PDB file of N, CA and C in Angstrom:
ATOM      1  N   MET A   1     -45.480  72.661 138.845  1.00  0.00           N
ATOM      2  CA  MET A   1     -44.922  71.497 139.068  1.00  0.00           C
ATOM      3  C   MET A   1     -43.506  71.289 139.420  1.00  0.00           C
ATOM      4  N   THR A   2     -43.197  70.436 140.328  1.00  0.00           N
ATOM      5  CA  THR A   2     -42.031  70.010 140.816  1.00  0.00           C
ATOM      6  C   THR A   2     -41.064  69.346 139.931  1.00  0.00           C
ATOM      7  N   ARG A   3     -39.779  69.213 140.029  1.00  0.00           N
ATOM      8  CA  ARG A   3     -38.888  68.932 139.012  1.00  0.00           C
ATOM      9  C   ARG A   3     -38.569  67.440 139.720  1.00  0.00           C
ATOM     10  N   PRO A   4     -38.621  66.387 138.913  1.00  0.00           N
ATOM     11  CA  PRO A   4     -38.198  65.039 139.272  1.00  0.00           C
ATOM     12  C   PRO A   4     -36.964  64.970 140.041  1.00  0.00           C
ATOM     13  N   ARG A   5     -36.788  64.175 140.897  1.00  0.00           N
ATOM     14  CA  ARG A   5     -35.370  63.990 141.586  1.00  0.00           C
ATOM     15  C   ARG A   5     -34.632  63.556 140.668  1.00  0.00           C
ATOM     16  N   ARG A   6     -33.246  63.916 140.973  1.00  0.00           N
ATOM     17  CA  ARG A   6     -32.025  63.571 140.224  1.00  0.00           C
ATOM     18  C   ARG A   6     -31.357  62.688 140.918  1.00  0.00           C
ATOM     19  N   VAL A   7     -30.910  61.589 140.073  1.00  0.00           N
ATOM     20  CA  VAL A   7     -30.028  60.597 140.528  1.00  0.00           C
ATOM     21  C   VAL A   7     -28.606  60.475 139.812  1.00  0.00           C
ATOM     22  N   LEU A   8     -27.500  60.727 140.376  1.00  0.00           N
ATOM     23  CA  LEU A   8     -26.345  60.473 139.424  1.00  0.00           C
ATOM     24  C   LEU A   8     -25.631  59.028 139.642  1.00  0.00           C
ATOM     25  N   VAL A   9     -25.875  58.086 138.648  1.00  0.00           N
ATOM     26  CA  VAL A   9     -25.110  56.640 138.777  1.00  0.00           C
ATOM     27  C   VAL A   9     -23.411  56.987 138.375  1.00  0.00           C
ATOM     28  N   VAL A  10     -22.450  56.526 139.205  1.00  0.00           N
ATOM     29  CA  VAL A  10     -21.351  56.727 138.757  1.00  0.00           C
ATOM     30  C   VAL A  10     -20.730  55.183 138.865  1.00  0.00           C
ATOM     31  N   ASP A  11     -20.418  54.684 137.787  1.00  0.00           N
ATOM     32  CA  ASP A  11     -20.381  53.062 137.279  1.00  0.00           C
ATOM     33  C   ASP A  11     -19.412  52.972 136.126  1.00  0.00           C
ATOM     34  N   ASP A  12     -18.397  52.232 136.113  1.00  0.00           N
ATOM     35  CA  ASP A  12     -17.625  52.079 135.184  1.00  0.00           C
ATOM     36  C   ASP A  12     -18.150  50.914 134.293  1.00  0.00           C
ATOM     37  N   ASP A  13     -18.977  50.335 134.439  1.00  0.00           N
ATOM     38  CA  ASP A  13     -19.790  48.865 133.920  1.00  0.00           C
ATOM     39  C   ASP A  13     -21.052  49.608 133.246  1.00  0.00           C
ATOM     40  N   PRO A  14     -21.027  49.764 131.704  1.00  0.00           N
ATOM     41  CA  PRO A  14     -22.108  50.320 131.206  1.00  0.00           C
ATOM     42  C   PRO A  14     -23.504  49.418 131.281  1.00  0.00           C
ATOM     43  N   ARG A  15     -23.163  48.064 131.668  1.00  0.00           N
ATOM     44  CA  ARG A  15     -24.658  47.213 131.689  1.00  0.00           C
ATOM     45  C   ARG A  15     -25.058  48.000 133.300  1.00  0.00           C
ATOM     46  N   ILE A  16     -24.337  47.782 134.313  1.00  0.00           N
ATOM     47  CA  ILE A  16     -25.053  48.399 135.674  1.00  0.00           C
ATOM     48  C   ILE A  16     -25.691  49.980 135.713  1.00  0.00           C
ATOM     49  N   THR A  17     -24.959  50.663 134.725  1.00  0.00           N
ATOM     50  CA  THR A  17     -25.569  52.535 134.327  1.00  0.00           C
ATOM     51  C   THR A  17     -26.942  52.070 133.412  1.00  0.00           C
ATOM     52  N   ALA A  18     -26.665  51.233 132.679  1.00  0.00           N
ATOM     53  CA  ALA A  18     -28.033  51.243 131.721  1.00  0.00           C
ATOM     54  C   ALA A  18     -29.240  50.556 132.596  1.00  0.00           C
ATOM     55  N   LEU A  19     -28.712  49.555 133.580  1.00  0.00           N
ATOM     56  CA  LEU A  19     -29.987  48.996 134.347  1.00  0.00           C
ATOM     57  C   LEU A  19     -30.494  49.825 135.146  1.00  0.00           C
ATOM     58  N   LEU A  20     -29.603  50.388 135.640  1.00  0.00           N
ATOM     59  CA  LEU A  20     -29.842  51.645 136.842  1.00  0.00           C
ATOM     60  C   LEU A  20     -30.654  52.962 136.620  1.00  0.00           C
ATOM     61  N   ARG A  21     -30.241  53.209 135.297  1.00  0.00           N
ATOM     62  CA  ARG A  21     -31.004  54.338 134.382  1.00  0.00           C
ATOM     63  C   ARG A  21     -32.165  54.082 134.150  1.00  0.00           C
ATOM     64  N   ASP A  22     -32.679  53.010 133.592  1.00  0.00           N
ATOM     65  CA  ASP A  22     -33.564  52.167 133.183  1.00  0.00           C
ATOM     66  C   ASP A  22     -34.665  52.069 133.801  1.00  0.00           C
ATOM     67  N   TYR A  23     -34.290  51.462 135.247  1.00  0.00           N
ATOM     68  CA  TYR A  23     -35.191  51.459 136.235  1.00  0.00           C
ATOM     69  C   TYR A  23     -35.382  52.718 137.122  1.00  0.00           C
ATOM     70  N   LEU A  24     -34.709  53.518 137.575  1.00  0.00           N
ATOM     71  CA  LEU A  24     -34.833  54.658 138.069  1.00  0.00           C
ATOM     72  C   LEU A  24     -35.722  55.715 137.222  1.00  0.00           C
ATOM     73  N   ALA A  25     -35.410  55.450 135.910  1.00  0.00           N
ATOM     74  CA  ALA A  25     -36.220  56.621 135.151  1.00  0.00           C
ATOM     75  C   ALA A  25     -37.727  55.959 135.042  1.00  0.00           C
ATOM     76  N   GLY A  26     -37.838  54.846 135.505  1.00  0.00           N
ATOM     77  CA  GLY A  26     -39.009  54.088 135.113  1.00  0.00           C
ATOM     78  C   GLY A  26     -39.813  54.603 136.665  1.00  0.00           C
ATOM     79  N   ALA A  27     -39.067  54.785 137.498  1.00  0.00           N
ATOM     80  CA  ALA A  27     -39.598  55.118 138.653  1.00  0.00           C
ATOM     81  C   ALA A  27     -39.873  56.497 139.022  1.00  0.00           C
ATOM     82  N   GLY A  28     -39.566  57.404 137.576  1.00  0.00           N
ATOM     83  CA  GLY A  28     -39.890  58.761 137.973  1.00  0.00           C
ATOM     84  C   GLY A  28     -38.900  59.504 138.049  1.00  0.00           C
ATOM     85  N   TYR A  29     -37.324  59.311 138.251  1.00  0.00           N
ATOM     86  CA  TYR A  29     -36.070  59.749 138.609  1.00  0.00           C
ATOM     87  C   TYR A  29     -35.913  60.480 137.225  1.00  0.00           C
ATOM     88  N   GLN A  30     -35.294  61.690 137.347  1.00  0.00           N
ATOM     89  CA  GLN A  30     -34.060  62.069 136.252  1.00  0.00           C
ATOM     90  C   GLN A  30     -32.847  61.390 136.672  1.00  0.00           C
ATOM     91  N   VAL A  31     -32.020  60.674 135.679  1.00  0.00           N
ATOM     92  CA  VAL A  31     -30.995  59.777 135.929  1.00  0.00           C
ATOM     93  C   VAL A  31     -29.793  60.604 135.165  1.00  0.00           C
ATOM     94  N   ASP A  32     -28.661  60.882 135.613  1.00  0.00           N
ATOM     95  CA  ASP A  32     -27.533  61.254 135.003  1.00  0.00           C
ATOM     96  C   ASP A  32     -26.548  59.915 135.192  1.00  0.00           C
ATOM     97  N   LEU A  33     -25.768  60.032 134.320  1.00  0.00           N
ATOM     98  CA  LEU A  33     -24.603  58.851 134.255  1.00  0.00           C
ATOM     99  C   LEU A  33     -23.226  59.626 134.152  1.00  0.00           C
ATOM    100  N   ALA A  34     -22.290  58.961 134.913  1.00  0.00           N
ATOM    101  CA  ALA A  34     -20.843  58.987 134.830  1.00  0.00           C
ATOM    102  C   ALA A  34     -20.334  57.801 134.877  1.00  0.00           C
ATOM    103  N   GLN A  35     -19.144  57.496 133.871  1.00  0.00           N
ATOM    104  CA  GLN A  35     -18.529  56.141 133.984  1.00  0.00           C
ATOM    105  C   GLN A  35     -17.133  56.238 134.761  1.00  0.00           C
ATOM    106  N   HIS A  36     -16.637  57.425 135.476  1.00  0.00           N
ATOM    107  CA  HIS A  36     -15.793  57.578 136.076  1.00  0.00           C
ATOM    108  C   HIS A  36     -15.761  58.834 136.812  1.00  0.00           C
ATOM    109  N   GLY A  37     -14.838  58.818 138.202  1.00  0.00           N
ATOM    110  CA  GLY A  37     -15.216  59.921 139.262  1.00  0.00           C
ATOM    111  C   GLY A  37     -14.764  61.509 138.786  1.00  0.00           C
ATOM    112  N   GLY A  38     -14.001  61.425 137.722  1.00  0.00           N
ATOM    113  CA  GLY A  38     -13.741  62.940 137.435  1.00  0.00           C
ATOM    114  C   GLY A  38     -14.872  63.163 136.904  1.00  0.00           C
ATOM    115  N   ASP A  39     -15.769  62.474 135.713  1.00  0.00           N
ATOM    116  CA  ASP A  39     -16.718  63.099 135.277  1.00  0.00           C
ATOM    117  C   ASP A  39     -18.064  63.082 136.305  1.00  0.00           C
ATOM    118  N   ALA A  40     -18.183  62.650 137.187  1.00  0.00           N
ATOM    119  CA  ALA A  40     -18.939  62.747 138.425  1.00  0.00           C
ATOM    120  C   ALA A  40     -18.944  64.015 138.735  1.00  0.00           C
ATOM    121  N   LEU A  41     -17.463  64.302 139.308  1.00  0.00           N
ATOM    122  CA  LEU A  41     -17.189  65.542 140.137  1.00  0.00           C
ATOM    123  C   LEU A  41     -17.749  66.664 138.978  1.00  0.00           C
ATOM    124  N   THR A  42     -17.361  66.545 137.725  1.00  0.00           N
ATOM    125  CA  THR A  42     -17.844  67.748 136.748  1.00  0.00           C
ATOM    126  C   THR A  42     -19.225  67.896 136.991  1.00  0.00           C
ATOM    127  N   LEU A  43     -19.841  66.941 136.845  1.00  0.00           N
ATOM    128  CA  LEU A  43     -21.651  66.789 136.464  1.00  0.00           C
ATOM    129  C   LEU A  43     -22.155  67.606 137.965  1.00  0.00           C
ATOM    130  N   ILE A  44     -21.461  67.075 139.263  1.00  0.00           N
ATOM    131  CA  ILE A  44     -21.845  67.435 140.542  1.00  0.00           C
ATOM    132  C   ILE A  44     -21.736  69.229 140.776  1.00  0.00           C
ATOM    133  N   GLN A  45     -20.738  69.570 140.104  1.00  0.00           N
ATOM    134  CA  GLN A  45     -20.289  70.852 140.374  1.00  0.00           C
ATOM    135  C   GLN A  45     -21.382  71.742 139.470  1.00  0.00           C
ATOM    136  N   HIS A  46     -21.731  71.396 138.099  1.00  0.00           N
ATOM    137  CA  HIS A  46     -22.548  72.179 137.427  1.00  0.00           C
ATOM    138  C   HIS A  46     -24.096  72.128 138.124  1.00  0.00           C
ATOM    139  N   ASP A  47     -24.260  70.918 138.669  1.00  0.00           N
ATOM    140  CA  ASP A  47     -25.929  70.973 139.322  1.00  0.00           C
ATOM    141  C   ASP A  47     -25.889  69.400 140.253  1.00  0.00           C
ATOM    142  N   PRO A  48     -25.708  70.049 141.215  1.00  0.00           N
ATOM    143  CA  PRO A  48     -25.613  68.570 142.382  1.00  0.00           C
ATOM    144  C   PRO A  48     -26.996  67.934 142.428  1.00  0.00           C
ATOM    145  N   PRO A  49     -27.046  66.345 142.388  1.00  0.00           N
ATOM    146  CA  PRO A  49     -28.092  65.662 142.245  1.00  0.00           C
ATOM    147  C   PRO A  49     -28.690  65.518 143.378  1.00  0.00           C
ATOM    148  N   ASP A  50     -29.689  65.071 143.754  1.00  0.00           N
ATOM    149  CA  ASP A  50     -30.445  64.734 144.851  1.00  0.00           C
ATOM    150  C   ASP A  50     -29.503  63.635 145.531  1.00  0.00           C
ATOM    151  N   VAL A  51     -29.329  62.628 144.851  1.00  0.00           N
ATOM    152  CA  VAL A  51     -28.642  61.138 145.329  1.00  0.00           C
ATOM    153  C   VAL A  51     -27.423  60.839 144.480  1.00  0.00           C
ATOM    154  N   VAL A  52     -26.575  60.045 144.951  1.00  0.00           N
ATOM    155  CA  VAL A  52     -25.345  59.612 143.755  1.00  0.00           C
ATOM    156  C   VAL A  52     -25.444  58.200 144.085  1.00  0.00           C
ATOM    157  N   LEU A  53     -25.348  57.504 143.239  1.00  0.00           N
ATOM    158  CA  LEU A  53     -25.204  56.000 143.366  1.00  0.00           C
ATOM    159  C   LEU A  53     -23.819  55.852 142.644  1.00  0.00           C
ATOM    160  N   LEU A  54     -22.775  55.266 143.762  1.00  0.00           N
ATOM    161  CA  LEU A  54     -21.291  55.599 143.234  1.00  0.00           C
ATOM    162  C   LEU A  54     -20.880  53.893 143.697  1.00  0.00           C
ATOM    163  N   ASP A  55     -20.099  53.585 142.583  1.00  0.00           N
ATOM    164  CA  ASP A  55     -19.414  52.479 142.494  1.00  0.00           C
ATOM    165  C   ASP A  55     -17.906  52.937 143.304  1.00  0.00           C
ATOM    166  N   ILE A  56     -17.067  51.767 143.979  1.00  0.00           N
ATOM    167  CA  ILE A  56     -16.038  51.936 144.458  1.00  0.00           C
ATOM    168  C   ILE A  56     -14.857  51.516 143.367  1.00  0.00           C
ATOM    169  N   GLU A  57     -14.744  50.508 142.626  1.00  0.00           N
ATOM    170  CA  GLU A  57     -13.739  49.984 142.058  1.00  0.00           C
ATOM    171  C   GLU A  57     -14.078  50.545 140.600  1.00  0.00           C
ATOM    172  N   MET A  58     -13.000  51.673 140.243  1.00  0.00           N
ATOM    173  CA  MET A  58     -13.429  52.197 139.060  1.00  0.00           C
ATOM    174  C   MET A  58     -11.802  52.689 138.504  1.00  0.00           C
ATOM    175  N   PRO A  59     -11.281  52.801 137.274  1.00  0.00           N
ATOM    176  CA  PRO A  59     -10.106  53.060 136.878  1.00  0.00           C
ATOM    177  C   PRO A  59     -10.030  54.683 136.976  1.00  0.00           C
ATOM    178  N   GLY A  60      -8.764  54.934 137.420  1.00  0.00           N
ATOM    179  CA  GLY A  60      -8.660  56.441 137.705  1.00  0.00           C
ATOM    180  C   GLY A  60      -8.970  56.535 139.013  1.00  0.00           C
ATOM    181  N   MET A  61      -9.809  57.702 139.319  1.00  0.00           N
ATOM    182  CA  MET A  61     -10.622  58.241 140.597  1.00  0.00           C
ATOM    183  C   MET A  61     -11.654  57.057 141.441  1.00  0.00           C
ATOM    184  N   ASN A  62     -10.720  56.419 142.264  1.00  0.00           N
ATOM    185  CA  ASN A  62     -12.055  55.233 142.640  1.00  0.00           C
ATOM    186  C   ASN A  62     -13.002  56.068 143.494  1.00  0.00           C
ATOM    187  N   GLY A  63     -13.961  55.304 143.914  1.00  0.00           N
ATOM    188  CA  GLY A  63     -15.281  55.710 144.835  1.00  0.00           C
ATOM    189  C   GLY A  63     -15.283  56.368 145.909  1.00  0.00           C
ATOM    190  N   PHE A  64     -14.058  55.986 146.645  1.00  0.00           N
ATOM    191  CA  PHE A  64     -13.510  56.331 148.051  1.00  0.00           C
ATOM    192  C   PHE A  64     -12.919  58.074 147.737  1.00  0.00           C
ATOM    193  N   ASP A  65     -12.183  58.026 146.828  1.00  0.00           N
ATOM    194  CA  ASP A  65     -11.953  59.406 146.369  1.00  0.00           C
ATOM    195  C   ASP A  65     -13.003  60.425 146.296  1.00  0.00           C
ATOM    196  N   VAL A  66     -13.760  59.899 145.194  1.00  0.00           N
ATOM    197  CA  VAL A  66     -14.822  60.636 144.983  1.00  0.00           C
ATOM    198  C   VAL A  66     -15.915  60.967 146.079  1.00  0.00           C
ATOM    199  N   LEU A  67     -16.124  60.023 147.135  1.00  0.00           N
ATOM    200  CA  LEU A  67     -16.895  60.115 148.063  1.00  0.00           C
ATOM    201  C   LEU A  67     -16.158  61.429 149.056  1.00  0.00           C
ATOM    202  N   GLN A  68     -15.060  61.418 149.458  1.00  0.00           N
ATOM    203  CA  GLN A  68     -14.379  62.200 150.096  1.00  0.00           C
ATOM    204  C   GLN A  68     -14.344  63.407 149.390  1.00  0.00           C
ATOM    205  N   ARG A  69     -14.205  63.638 148.225  1.00  0.00           N
ATOM    206  CA  ARG A  69     -14.591  65.007 147.573  1.00  0.00           C
ATOM    207  C   ARG A  69     -15.834  65.503 147.617  1.00  0.00           C
ATOM    208  N   LEU A  70     -17.010  64.451 147.669  1.00  0.00           N
ATOM    209  CA  LEU A  70     -18.195  64.997 147.706  1.00  0.00           C
ATOM    210  C   LEU A  70     -18.456  65.273 149.013  1.00  0.00           C
ATOM    211  N   ARG A  71     -17.994  64.840 149.964  1.00  0.00           N
ATOM    212  CA  ARG A  71     -18.340  65.069 151.588  1.00  0.00           C
ATOM    213  C   ARG A  71     -17.760  66.371 151.822  1.00  0.00           C
ATOM    214  N   ALA A  72     -16.585  66.696 151.328  1.00  0.00           N
ATOM    215  CA  ALA A  72     -16.064  68.105 151.282  1.00  0.00           C
ATOM    216  C   ALA A  72     -16.869  69.472 150.801  1.00  0.00           C
ATOM    217  N   GLY A  73     -17.163  68.915 149.497  1.00  0.00           N
ATOM    218  CA  GLY A  73     -17.830  70.099 148.763  1.00  0.00           C
ATOM    219  C   GLY A  73     -19.296  70.059 148.880  1.00  0.00           C
ATOM    220  N   TYR A  74     -19.689  68.690 148.855  1.00  0.00           N
ATOM    221  CA  TYR A  74     -21.360  68.883 149.015  1.00  0.00           C
ATOM    222  C   TYR A  74     -21.739  67.781 150.031  1.00  0.00           C
ATOM    223  N   PRO A  75     -21.262  68.360 151.347  1.00  0.00           N
ATOM    224  CA  PRO A  75     -21.855  67.592 152.316  1.00  0.00           C
ATOM    225  C   PRO A  75     -23.307  67.159 152.630  1.00  0.00           C
ATOM    226  N   SER A  76     -24.093  67.845 152.025  1.00  0.00           N
ATOM    227  CA  SER A  76     -25.771  67.404 152.059  1.00  0.00           C
ATOM    228  C   SER A  76     -26.120  66.255 151.110  1.00  0.00           C
ATOM    229  N   VAL A  77     -25.568  66.030 149.902  1.00  0.00           N
ATOM    230  CA  VAL A  77     -25.756  65.154 149.010  1.00  0.00           C
ATOM    231  C   VAL A  77     -25.688  63.659 149.270  1.00  0.00           C
ATOM    232  N   PRO A  78     -26.681  62.919 149.584  1.00  0.00           N
ATOM    233  CA  PRO A  78     -26.454  61.622 150.185  1.00  0.00           C
ATOM    234  C   PRO A  78     -25.874  60.868 148.989  1.00  0.00           C
ATOM    235  N   VAL A  79     -24.831  59.695 149.466  1.00  0.00           N
ATOM    236  CA  VAL A  79     -24.080  58.947 148.714  1.00  0.00           C
ATOM    237  C   VAL A  79     -24.539  57.395 149.149  1.00  0.00           C
ATOM    238  N   ILE A  80     -24.905  57.001 148.085  1.00  0.00           N
ATOM    239  CA  ILE A  80     -25.262  55.292 148.113  1.00  0.00           C
ATOM    240  C   ILE A  80     -23.967  54.545 147.305  1.00  0.00           C
ATOM    241  N   ILE A  81     -23.114  53.910 148.102  1.00  0.00           N
ATOM    242  CA  ILE A  81     -22.332  52.885 147.568  1.00  0.00           C
ATOM    243  C   ILE A  81     -22.743  51.869 146.947  1.00  0.00           C
ATOM    244  N   VAL A  82     -22.301  51.397 145.879  1.00  0.00           N
ATOM    245  CA  VAL A  82     -22.743  50.004 145.259  1.00  0.00           C
ATOM    246  C   VAL A  82     -21.778  49.218 144.728  1.00  0.00           C
ATOM    247  N   THR A  83     -21.259  48.383 145.299  1.00  0.00           N
ATOM    248  CA  THR A  83     -20.033  47.597 145.121  1.00  0.00           C
ATOM    249  C   THR A  83     -20.182  46.305 144.803  1.00  0.00           C
ATOM    250  N   ALA A  84     -19.330  45.621 144.181  1.00  0.00           N
ATOM    251  CA  ALA A  84     -19.057  44.291 144.366  1.00  0.00           C
ATOM    252  C   ALA A  84     -18.518  43.856 145.176  1.00  0.00           C
ATOM    253  N   ASN A  85     -17.710  44.385 146.078  1.00  0.00           N
ATOM    254  CA  ASN A  85     -16.876  43.926 147.161  1.00  0.00           C
ATOM    255  C   ASN A  85     -17.638  43.611 148.304  1.00  0.00           C
ATOM    256  N   SER A  86     -17.738  42.656 148.702  1.00  0.00           N
ATOM    257  CA  SER A  86     -18.856  42.437 149.773  1.00  0.00           C
ATOM    258  C   SER A  86     -17.924  42.066 151.312  1.00  0.00           C
ATOM    259  N   ASP A  87     -16.579  42.577 151.329  1.00  0.00           N
ATOM    260  CA  ASP A  87     -15.954  42.500 152.582  1.00  0.00           C
ATOM    261  C   ASP A  87     -16.569  43.679 153.575  1.00  0.00           C
ATOM    262  N   ILE A  88     -17.060  43.093 154.695  1.00  0.00           N
ATOM    263  CA  ILE A  88     -17.756  44.233 155.548  1.00  0.00           C
ATOM    264  C   ILE A  88     -16.791  45.214 156.040  1.00  0.00           C
ATOM    265  N   ALA A  89     -15.392  45.139 156.176  1.00  0.00           N
ATOM    266  CA  ALA A  89     -14.531  46.141 155.943  1.00  0.00           C
ATOM    267  C   ALA A  89     -14.909  47.346 155.004  1.00  0.00           C
ATOM    268  N   VAL A  90     -15.129  46.989 153.877  1.00  0.00           N
ATOM    269  CA  VAL A  90     -15.419  48.049 152.853  1.00  0.00           C
ATOM    270  C   VAL A  90     -16.546  48.919 153.208  1.00  0.00           C
ATOM    271  N   THR A  91     -17.524  47.976 153.565  1.00  0.00           N
ATOM    272  CA  THR A  91     -18.871  48.761 153.917  1.00  0.00           C
ATOM    273  C   THR A  91     -18.778  49.767 155.229  1.00  0.00           C
ATOM    274  N   GLY A  92     -17.999  49.267 156.209  1.00  0.00           N
ATOM    275  CA  GLY A  92     -17.715  49.977 157.071  1.00  0.00           C
ATOM    276  C   GLY A  92     -16.812  51.078 156.769  1.00  0.00           C
ATOM    277  N   GLN A  93     -15.880  51.029 156.002  1.00  0.00           N
ATOM    278  CA  GLN A  93     -15.097  52.294 155.602  1.00  0.00           C
ATOM    279  C   GLN A  93     -15.854  53.430 154.811  1.00  0.00           C
ATOM    280  N   ALA A  94     -16.864  52.692 153.932  1.00  0.00           N
ATOM    281  CA  ALA A  94     -17.588  53.526 153.379  1.00  0.00           C
ATOM    282  C   ALA A  94     -18.598  54.270 153.948  1.00  0.00           C
ATOM    283  N   LEU A  95     -19.050  53.738 155.084  1.00  0.00           N
ATOM    284  CA  LEU A  95     -19.893  54.508 156.274  1.00  0.00           C
ATOM    285  C   LEU A  95     -19.206  55.502 156.863  1.00  0.00           C
ATOM    286  N   ALA A  96     -18.245  55.198 157.339  1.00  0.00           N
ATOM    287  CA  ALA A  96     -17.207  56.016 158.192  1.00  0.00           C
ATOM    288  C   ALA A  96     -16.853  57.469 157.520  1.00  0.00           C
ATOM    289  N   LYS A  97     -16.687  56.884 155.964  1.00  0.00           N
ATOM    290  CA  LYS A  97     -16.131  58.112 155.178  1.00  0.00           C
ATOM    291  C   LYS A  97     -17.539  59.172 154.675  1.00  0.00           C
ATOM    292  N   GLY A  98     -18.482  58.738 155.195  1.00  0.00           N
ATOM    293  CA  GLY A  98     -19.912  59.384 154.994  1.00  0.00           C
ATOM    294  C   GLY A  98     -20.880  58.936 154.139  1.00  0.00           C
ATOM    295  N   ALA A  99     -20.716  57.421 153.321  1.00  0.00           N
ATOM    296  CA  ALA A  99     -21.900  57.266 152.833  1.00  0.00           C
ATOM    297  C   ALA A  99     -23.002  57.184 153.317  1.00  0.00           C
ATOM    298  N   PHE A 100     -24.256  57.318 152.894  1.00  0.00           N
ATOM    299  CA  PHE A 100     -25.709  57.420 153.474  1.00  0.00           C
ATOM    300  C   PHE A 100     -25.996  55.853 153.744  1.00  0.00           C
ATOM    301  N   ASN A 101     -25.503  55.117 152.811  1.00  0.00           N
ATOM    302  CA  ASN A 101     -25.787  53.473 152.869  1.00  0.00           C
ATOM    303  C   ASN A 101     -24.754  52.574 151.770  1.00  0.00           C
ATOM    304  N   CYS A 102     -24.594  51.454 151.694  1.00  0.00           N
ATOM    305  CA  CYS A 102     -23.915  50.646 151.019  1.00  0.00           C
ATOM    306  C   CYS A 102     -24.609  49.599 150.718  1.00  0.00           C
ATOM    307  N   ILE A 103     -24.683  49.007 149.385  1.00  0.00           N
ATOM    308  CA  ILE A 103     -25.325  48.005 148.717  1.00  0.00           C
ATOM    309  C   ILE A 103     -24.339  47.114 147.813  1.00  0.00           C
ATOM    310  N   THR A 104     -24.649  45.816 148.062  1.00  0.00           N
ATOM    311  CA  THR A 104     -23.539  45.021 147.381  1.00  0.00           C
ATOM    312  C   THR A 104     -24.280  44.456 146.047  1.00  0.00           C
ATOM    313  N   LYS A 105     -23.273  44.489 145.233  1.00  0.00           N
ATOM    314  CA  LYS A 105     -23.692  43.940 143.749  1.00  0.00           C
ATOM    315  C   LYS A 105     -23.213  42.306 143.857  1.00  0.00           C
ATOM    316  N   PRO A 106     -24.226  41.452 143.142  1.00  0.00           N
ATOM    317  CA  PRO A 106     -25.210  41.756 142.937  1.00  0.00           C
ATOM    318  C   PRO A 106     -26.403  41.988 143.450  1.00  0.00           C
ATOM    319  N   PHE A 107     -27.343  43.257 143.112  1.00  0.00           N
ATOM    320  CA  PHE A 107     -28.275  43.999 143.940  1.00  0.00           C
ATOM    321  C   PHE A 107     -29.722  43.683 143.373  1.00  0.00           C
ATOM    322  N   GLU A 108     -30.677  43.674 144.507  1.00  0.00           N
ATOM    323  CA  GLU A 108     -31.896  43.437 143.880  1.00  0.00           C
ATOM    324  C   GLU A 108     -32.493  45.201 143.710  1.00  0.00           C
ATOM    325  N   LEU A 109     -33.138  45.159 142.679  1.00  0.00           N
ATOM    326  CA  LEU A 109     -33.439  46.391 142.596  1.00  0.00           C
ATOM    327  C   LEU A 109     -34.309  47.365 143.322  1.00  0.00           C
ATOM    328  N   SER A 110     -35.279  46.374 144.016  1.00  0.00           N
ATOM    329  CA  SER A 110     -36.156  46.974 145.081  1.00  0.00           C
ATOM    330  C   SER A 110     -35.154  47.583 146.325  1.00  0.00           C
ATOM    331  N   ARG A 111     -33.886  46.915 146.607  1.00  0.00           N
ATOM    332  CA  ARG A 111     -33.094  47.706 147.532  1.00  0.00           C
ATOM    333  C   ARG A 111     -32.567  48.798 147.028  1.00  0.00           C
ATOM    334  N   ILE A 112     -32.052  48.812 145.998  1.00  0.00           N
ATOM    335  CA  ILE A 112     -31.987  50.147 145.136  1.00  0.00           C
ATOM    336  C   ILE A 112     -32.850  51.292 145.318  1.00  0.00           C
ATOM    337  N   ALA A 113     -34.161  50.922 145.105  1.00  0.00           N
ATOM    338  CA  ALA A 113     -35.186  51.982 145.162  1.00  0.00           C
ATOM    339  C   ALA A 113     -35.759  52.359 146.793  1.00  0.00           C
ATOM    340  N   GLU A 114     -35.292  51.393 147.560  1.00  0.00           N
ATOM    341  CA  GLU A 114     -35.732  51.639 148.940  1.00  0.00           C
ATOM    342  C   GLU A 114     -34.605  52.640 149.521  1.00  0.00           C
ATOM    343  N   ALA A 115     -33.332  52.509 148.814  1.00  0.00           N
ATOM    344  CA  ALA A 115     -31.910  53.372 149.803  1.00  0.00           C
ATOM    345  C   ALA A 115     -32.181  54.828 148.880  1.00  0.00           C
ATOM    346  N   VAL A 116     -32.397  54.678 147.729  1.00  0.00           N
ATOM    347  CA  VAL A 116     -32.938  56.101 146.813  1.00  0.00           C
ATOM    348  C   VAL A 116     -34.167  56.865 147.597  1.00  0.00           C
ATOM    349  N   GLN A 117     -35.130  56.122 147.636  1.00  0.00           N
ATOM    350  CA  GLN A 117     -36.039  56.902 148.259  1.00  0.00           C
ATOM    351  C   GLN A 117     -35.926  57.227 149.754  1.00  0.00           C
ATOM    352  N   ALA A 118     -34.906  56.480 150.410  1.00  0.00           N
ATOM    353  CA  ALA A 118     -34.812  56.898 151.953  1.00  0.00           C
ATOM    354  C   ALA A 118     -33.791  58.263 151.873  1.00  0.00           C
ATOM    355  N   ALA A 119     -33.103  58.206 150.624  1.00  0.00           N
ATOM    356  CA  ALA A 119     -31.884  59.186 150.564  1.00  0.00           C
ATOM    357  C   ALA A 119     -32.360  60.344 150.141  1.00  0.00           C
ATOM    358  N   VAL A 120     -33.857  60.327 149.271  1.00  0.00           N
ATOM    359  CA  VAL A 120     -34.037  61.510 148.998  1.00  0.00           C
ATOM    360  C   VAL A 120     -35.016  62.332 149.900  1.00  0.00           C
ATOM    361  N   GLY A 121     -35.654  61.576 150.901  1.00  0.00           N
ATOM    362  CA  GLY A 121     -36.223  61.882 152.070  1.00  0.00           C
ATOM    363  C   GLY A 121     -35.530  62.655 153.173  1.00  0.00           C
ATOM    364  N   LEU A 122     -34.220  62.092 153.043  1.00  0.00           N
ATOM    365  CA  LEU A 122     -33.196  62.591 154.055  1.00  0.00           C
ATOM    366  C   LEU A 122     -32.956  64.004 153.434  1.00  0.00           C
ATOM    367  N   HIS A 123     -32.540  64.065 152.175  1.00  0.00           N
ATOM    368  CA  HIS A 123     -31.751  65.480 151.481  1.00  0.00           C
ATOM    369  C   HIS A 123     -33.153  66.551 151.406  1.00  0.00           C
ATOM    370  N   GLY A 124     -34.392  66.081 151.546  1.00  0.00           N
ATOM    371  CA  GLY A 124     -35.459  67.000 151.105  1.00  0.00           C
ATOM    372  C   GLY A 124     -35.574  67.710 150.142  1.00  0.00           C
ATOM    373  N   ARG A 125     -36.745  68.602 150.156  1.00  0.00           N
ATOM    374  CA  ARG A 125     -36.592  69.346 148.741  1.00  0.00           C
ATOM    375  C   ARG A 125     -35.797  70.360 148.484  1.00  0.00           C
ATOM    376  N   SER A 126     -35.263  70.517 147.401  1.00  0.00           N
ATOM    377  CA  SER A 126     -34.367  71.767 146.924  1.00  0.00           C
ATOM    378  C   SER A 126     -34.631  72.639 146.033  1.00  0.00           C
TER     379      SER A 126
END
């Protein structure tokens, strides 16, 4: 039996993490949660997930800092930025820094599902 794909959700808003956890778990993913960048990096070091959903605006280490460290240490792990910032420059910056996709809040859960599915397909079986 194959293990379920793992998604790490990194967001300081507990409503967002709960929503994504419940939705993705219902779709068959194993979901881990982190409320800030430092926690996310610790979790990733111990067991890299198949996909990371990452907020940009967080206290302490922001999402761009986390993305930069992920690209340096775990270049094959796809990162989907999920942000309330709808500025096209932010999306461009995220993609230029190596994000797989960028989704603006508020989001449709179906859009999250499509992005995670595409990222998991890209990441392949581990």
